[in-house]
Protein backbone atom coordinates (compact mmCIF):
# COMPACT_ATOMS: atom_id res chain seq x y z
CA MET A 1 18.87 -49.51 -41.42
CA GLN A 2 16.49 -47.41 -39.40
CA ILE A 3 16.87 -47.31 -35.65
CA PRO A 4 13.58 -47.00 -33.80
CA VAL A 5 13.36 -44.01 -31.50
CA LEU A 6 11.71 -44.57 -28.19
CA ILE A 7 9.57 -41.64 -27.14
CA VAL A 8 8.69 -41.62 -23.47
CA VAL A 9 5.80 -39.45 -22.44
CA THR A 10 5.37 -39.15 -18.72
CA LEU A 11 1.99 -38.82 -17.14
CA ALA A 12 2.95 -35.42 -15.76
CA ALA A 13 3.49 -34.09 -19.26
CA LEU A 14 -0.09 -34.96 -20.18
CA LEU A 15 -1.58 -33.13 -17.23
CA PRO A 16 -2.28 -29.37 -17.14
CA PRO A 17 0.25 -27.38 -15.10
CA ALA A 18 -0.53 -27.35 -11.41
CA GLN A 19 -2.04 -24.15 -10.06
CA PRO A 20 0.35 -23.06 -7.29
CA CYS A 21 -2.09 -20.60 -5.76
CA PRO A 22 -5.44 -21.77 -4.38
CA SER A 23 -8.43 -19.55 -4.98
CA GLU A 24 -11.84 -19.03 -3.44
CA MET A 25 -14.53 -16.39 -3.33
CA ASN A 26 -14.05 -13.73 -0.69
CA LYS A 27 -17.51 -13.55 0.83
CA VAL A 28 -17.01 -10.10 2.32
CA LYS A 29 -15.93 -8.38 -0.90
CA ASP A 30 -17.56 -10.83 -3.33
CA LEU A 31 -14.31 -11.12 -5.28
CA LEU A 32 -12.21 -14.10 -6.33
CA GLU A 33 -9.26 -14.28 -3.93
CA VAL A 34 -6.07 -15.98 -5.13
CA ASN A 35 -3.63 -16.87 -2.36
CA CYS A 36 0.06 -17.10 -3.35
CA THR A 37 1.34 -16.36 0.15
CA GLY A 38 4.62 -17.87 1.34
CA GLN A 39 5.62 -19.85 -1.74
CA ALA A 40 9.17 -18.51 -2.22
CA LEU A 41 8.10 -16.92 -5.51
CA ASP A 42 10.55 -14.64 -7.32
CA GLU A 43 7.98 -13.61 -9.92
CA VAL A 44 4.22 -13.32 -10.20
CA PRO A 45 2.88 -16.69 -11.36
CA PRO A 46 1.56 -16.71 -14.93
CA HIS A 47 -1.87 -18.01 -15.88
CA LEU A 48 -3.72 -16.72 -12.83
CA PRO A 49 -7.52 -16.65 -13.19
CA VAL A 50 -8.47 -13.64 -15.30
CA ASN A 51 -11.28 -12.78 -12.88
CA THR A 52 -8.92 -12.48 -9.89
CA GLY A 53 -10.12 -9.64 -7.67
CA ILE A 54 -7.80 -10.10 -4.68
CA LEU A 55 -4.21 -11.28 -5.09
CA LEU A 56 -2.17 -12.24 -2.03
CA LEU A 57 1.57 -12.32 -2.75
CA SER A 58 3.00 -11.65 0.70
CA ASP A 59 5.95 -13.54 2.22
CA ASN A 60 7.70 -14.31 -1.05
CA ARG A 61 11.03 -13.32 -2.66
CA LEU A 62 9.88 -10.70 -5.13
CA VAL A 63 12.60 -8.16 -5.88
CA SER A 64 10.89 -6.50 -8.83
CA LEU A 65 7.73 -6.92 -10.88
CA SER A 66 7.36 -7.19 -14.62
CA THR A 67 5.33 -4.38 -16.16
CA LYS A 68 3.14 -7.10 -17.67
CA ALA A 69 2.66 -9.08 -14.46
CA PHE A 70 -0.92 -7.98 -13.81
CA LEU A 71 -2.08 -7.01 -17.32
CA PRO A 72 -4.50 -9.96 -17.81
CA LEU A 73 -6.14 -9.31 -14.41
CA THR A 74 -8.50 -6.53 -15.41
CA GLN A 75 -10.76 -7.08 -12.36
CA LEU A 76 -7.92 -6.88 -9.83
CA GLN A 77 -8.79 -4.60 -6.88
CA ASP A 78 -6.57 -5.64 -3.96
CA ILE A 79 -2.86 -6.56 -4.08
CA ASP A 80 -0.89 -7.67 -1.02
CA LEU A 81 2.88 -7.55 -1.64
CA ALA A 82 3.96 -7.34 2.00
CA ASN A 83 7.10 -9.07 3.24
CA ASN A 84 8.97 -9.28 -0.04
CA LYS A 85 12.25 -7.69 -1.17
CA LEU A 86 10.92 -4.94 -3.40
CA GLU A 87 13.31 -2.01 -3.79
CA SER A 88 11.21 -0.14 -6.33
CA LEU A 89 7.87 -0.42 -8.08
CA ASP A 90 7.25 0.65 -11.66
CA ALA A 91 3.98 2.58 -11.96
CA ARG A 92 3.24 0.81 -15.24
CA THR A 93 2.96 -2.47 -13.34
CA LEU A 94 -0.30 -1.53 -11.63
CA LEU A 95 -3.83 -1.36 -13.00
CA PRO A 96 -6.35 1.50 -12.68
CA SER A 97 -8.83 -0.90 -11.05
CA VAL A 98 -6.64 -1.32 -7.93
CA LYS A 99 -8.25 -0.03 -4.72
CA GLU A 100 -5.98 -1.52 -2.06
CA LEU A 101 -2.19 -1.80 -2.30
CA ILE A 102 -0.11 -3.32 0.51
CA LEU A 103 3.66 -2.78 0.23
CA SER A 104 4.64 -3.06 3.89
CA HIS A 105 7.86 -4.78 5.00
CA ASN A 106 9.81 -4.31 1.78
CA LYS A 107 12.96 -2.31 0.95
CA LEU A 108 11.44 0.74 -0.71
CA ARG A 109 13.54 3.89 -0.33
CA SER A 110 11.06 6.15 -2.07
CA LEU A 111 7.33 6.15 -2.61
CA PRO A 112 6.24 4.54 -5.89
CA ASP A 113 4.76 6.80 -8.53
CA LEU A 114 1.02 6.45 -7.98
CA GLN A 115 -0.02 7.73 -11.38
CA GLY A 116 -2.72 5.60 -12.96
CA LEU A 117 -4.37 4.52 -9.69
CA PRO A 118 -7.46 6.77 -9.53
CA ALA A 119 -9.49 4.21 -7.54
CA LEU A 120 -6.92 3.66 -4.77
CA THR A 121 -8.50 3.94 -1.30
CA ARG A 122 -5.95 2.15 0.90
CA LEU A 123 -2.15 2.29 0.71
CA ALA A 124 0.24 0.67 3.19
CA VAL A 125 3.97 1.33 2.86
CA ALA A 126 4.82 0.57 6.49
CA HIS A 127 8.24 -0.70 7.58
CA ASN A 128 10.22 0.25 4.51
CA SER A 129 13.16 2.66 4.20
CA LEU A 130 11.41 5.92 3.30
CA THR A 131 13.28 9.00 4.53
CA THR A 132 10.82 11.66 3.35
CA LEU A 133 7.94 12.28 0.94
CA ALA A 134 7.87 14.42 -2.16
CA PRO A 135 5.59 17.48 -2.20
CA LYS A 136 2.13 16.50 -3.48
CA ALA A 137 3.17 12.84 -3.35
CA PHE A 138 -0.45 11.67 -3.27
CA CYS A 139 -2.16 14.19 -5.54
CA LYS A 140 -2.81 11.46 -8.14
CA VAL A 141 -4.82 9.31 -5.69
CA PRO A 142 -7.54 11.69 -4.46
CA GLN A 143 -9.81 8.82 -3.32
CA LEU A 144 -7.29 7.59 -0.74
CA GLN A 145 -8.91 7.03 2.68
CA ASP A 146 -6.32 5.02 4.63
CA LEU A 147 -2.57 5.73 4.48
CA ASP A 148 -0.07 3.71 6.54
CA LEU A 149 3.50 5.05 6.63
CA ARG A 150 4.59 3.77 10.05
CA GLY A 151 7.95 2.24 10.76
CA ASN A 152 10.00 4.14 8.18
CA GLN A 153 12.95 6.52 8.62
CA MET A 154 11.27 9.82 7.83
CA ARG A 155 12.87 12.76 9.61
CA GLN A 156 10.91 15.58 8.00
CA LEU A 157 7.95 16.11 5.71
CA PRO A 158 7.23 18.93 3.25
CA LYS A 159 4.15 20.97 4.04
CA GLU A 160 2.54 19.85 0.75
CA ALA A 161 3.14 16.12 1.36
CA PHE A 162 -0.57 15.30 1.75
CA GLU A 163 -2.01 18.01 -0.48
CA GLY A 164 -5.17 16.92 -2.29
CA LEU A 165 -6.12 14.07 0.06
CA LYS A 166 -9.56 15.43 0.85
CA ALA A 167 -11.01 11.92 1.35
CA LEU A 168 -8.32 10.68 3.78
CA LYS A 169 -9.74 9.37 7.07
CA GLU A 170 -6.78 7.64 8.74
CA LEU A 171 -3.09 8.52 8.64
CA ASP A 172 -0.37 6.55 10.44
CA LEU A 173 3.00 8.27 10.82
CA SER A 174 4.06 6.38 13.94
CA ASP A 175 7.52 4.92 14.56
CA ASN A 176 9.44 7.28 12.33
CA LEU A 177 12.13 9.83 13.26
CA LEU A 178 10.00 12.96 13.00
CA GLU A 179 11.06 15.87 15.22
CA HIS A 180 8.93 18.66 13.76
CA LEU A 181 5.85 18.84 11.55
CA PRO A 182 4.85 21.79 9.33
CA GLN A 183 1.82 23.75 10.48
CA GLU A 184 0.16 23.31 7.07
CA LEU A 185 0.71 19.54 6.83
CA LEU A 186 -2.91 18.48 7.46
CA GLN A 187 -4.82 21.44 6.06
CA ASP A 188 -6.30 19.55 3.08
CA LEU A 189 -7.38 16.59 5.21
CA GLN A 190 -10.89 17.73 6.05
CA LYS A 191 -12.17 14.17 6.62
CA LEU A 192 -9.27 13.00 8.78
CA ASP A 193 -10.56 11.02 11.77
CA THR A 194 -7.47 9.35 13.18
CA LEU A 195 -3.82 10.36 13.24
CA TRP A 196 -1.05 8.18 14.71
CA LEU A 197 2.15 9.94 15.81
CA SER A 198 3.58 7.61 18.45
CA GLY A 199 7.20 6.50 18.39
CA ASN A 200 8.59 9.73 16.90
CA ARG A 201 10.74 12.47 18.43
CA LEU A 202 7.98 15.06 18.61
CA GLN A 203 7.80 17.26 21.68
CA SER A 204 5.00 19.55 20.51
CA LEU A 205 2.85 20.46 17.54
CA PRO A 206 2.50 23.92 15.99
CA ILE A 207 -0.56 26.04 16.78
CA GLY A 208 -3.10 25.67 14.00
CA PHE A 209 -1.72 22.26 13.04
CA PHE A 210 -5.09 20.50 12.86
CA PRO A 211 -7.73 21.19 10.18
CA LYS A 212 -10.18 23.95 11.10
CA GLY A 213 -13.44 22.98 12.72
CA ARG A 214 -12.15 19.73 14.22
CA LEU A 215 -11.10 18.92 17.76
CA PHE A 216 -8.46 16.19 18.20
CA MET A 217 -8.25 14.29 21.47
CA TYR A 218 -4.99 12.57 22.38
CA ARG A 219 -5.23 9.01 23.48
CA LYS A 220 -2.70 6.30 24.32
CA ARG A 221 0.55 6.33 22.37
CA TRP A 222 -0.23 9.59 20.58
CA ARG A 223 -3.27 8.26 18.81
CA VAL A 224 -5.23 11.32 17.79
CA THR A 225 -8.95 11.02 17.13
CA ALA A 226 -11.02 13.78 15.56
CA LEU A 227 -14.31 15.01 16.97
CA ARG A 228 -16.64 17.28 15.05
CA LYS A 229 -16.28 20.32 17.30
CA PRO A 230 -14.43 23.59 16.72
CA SER A 231 -11.09 24.10 18.42
CA SER A 232 -8.57 26.90 18.51
CA SER A 233 -5.85 24.90 20.27
CA PHE A 234 -4.85 21.34 21.04
CA LEU A 235 -4.82 19.51 24.35
């Protein structure tokens, strides 16, 4: 005697999986922006649109990222990973197309290896747990223009920390624990326009600290803005 088997198929099973992250065209950058902000995610959602250009993943619970997380997203340019729980970041996770990488408000103790990011122009690693930088830490990202390192625990920096950053325009070192800075620290930064040093323990800067041929004027809270005039000392 055969017993009939009742197969129940729910309506939900017949529908395609819901897309947890809404998307729309970013009119300023003309890129598809996918917004996964604040969804308590512990991994990058699969099946994101392959033409994603901007991916917002801030305010989630990401502790680590799979090395394959972004592989299908060959047009990805901007990634916002702020306000997660990242303790490290594998360089193999990122794509060479990435121009903007936001890692602020995580738990990073050291700077990620930036190899394989030749197009990177903006990097924010603010409010992490960095204590210093390696010599030539940014030599693999020569196109970098905006570097935000505020709110870490850096006490000292090697003189070669920013070597090779000839395109850098803005550097934020505010709210660290810096007491002294090497005279040679900025010598490669010939396009530097703005330097933030507020909230440190600095009492003075060494003579010859600023790149040659540029005059820096101090403003509120140790914001330093460059003018295109020669200077032999600082004010």
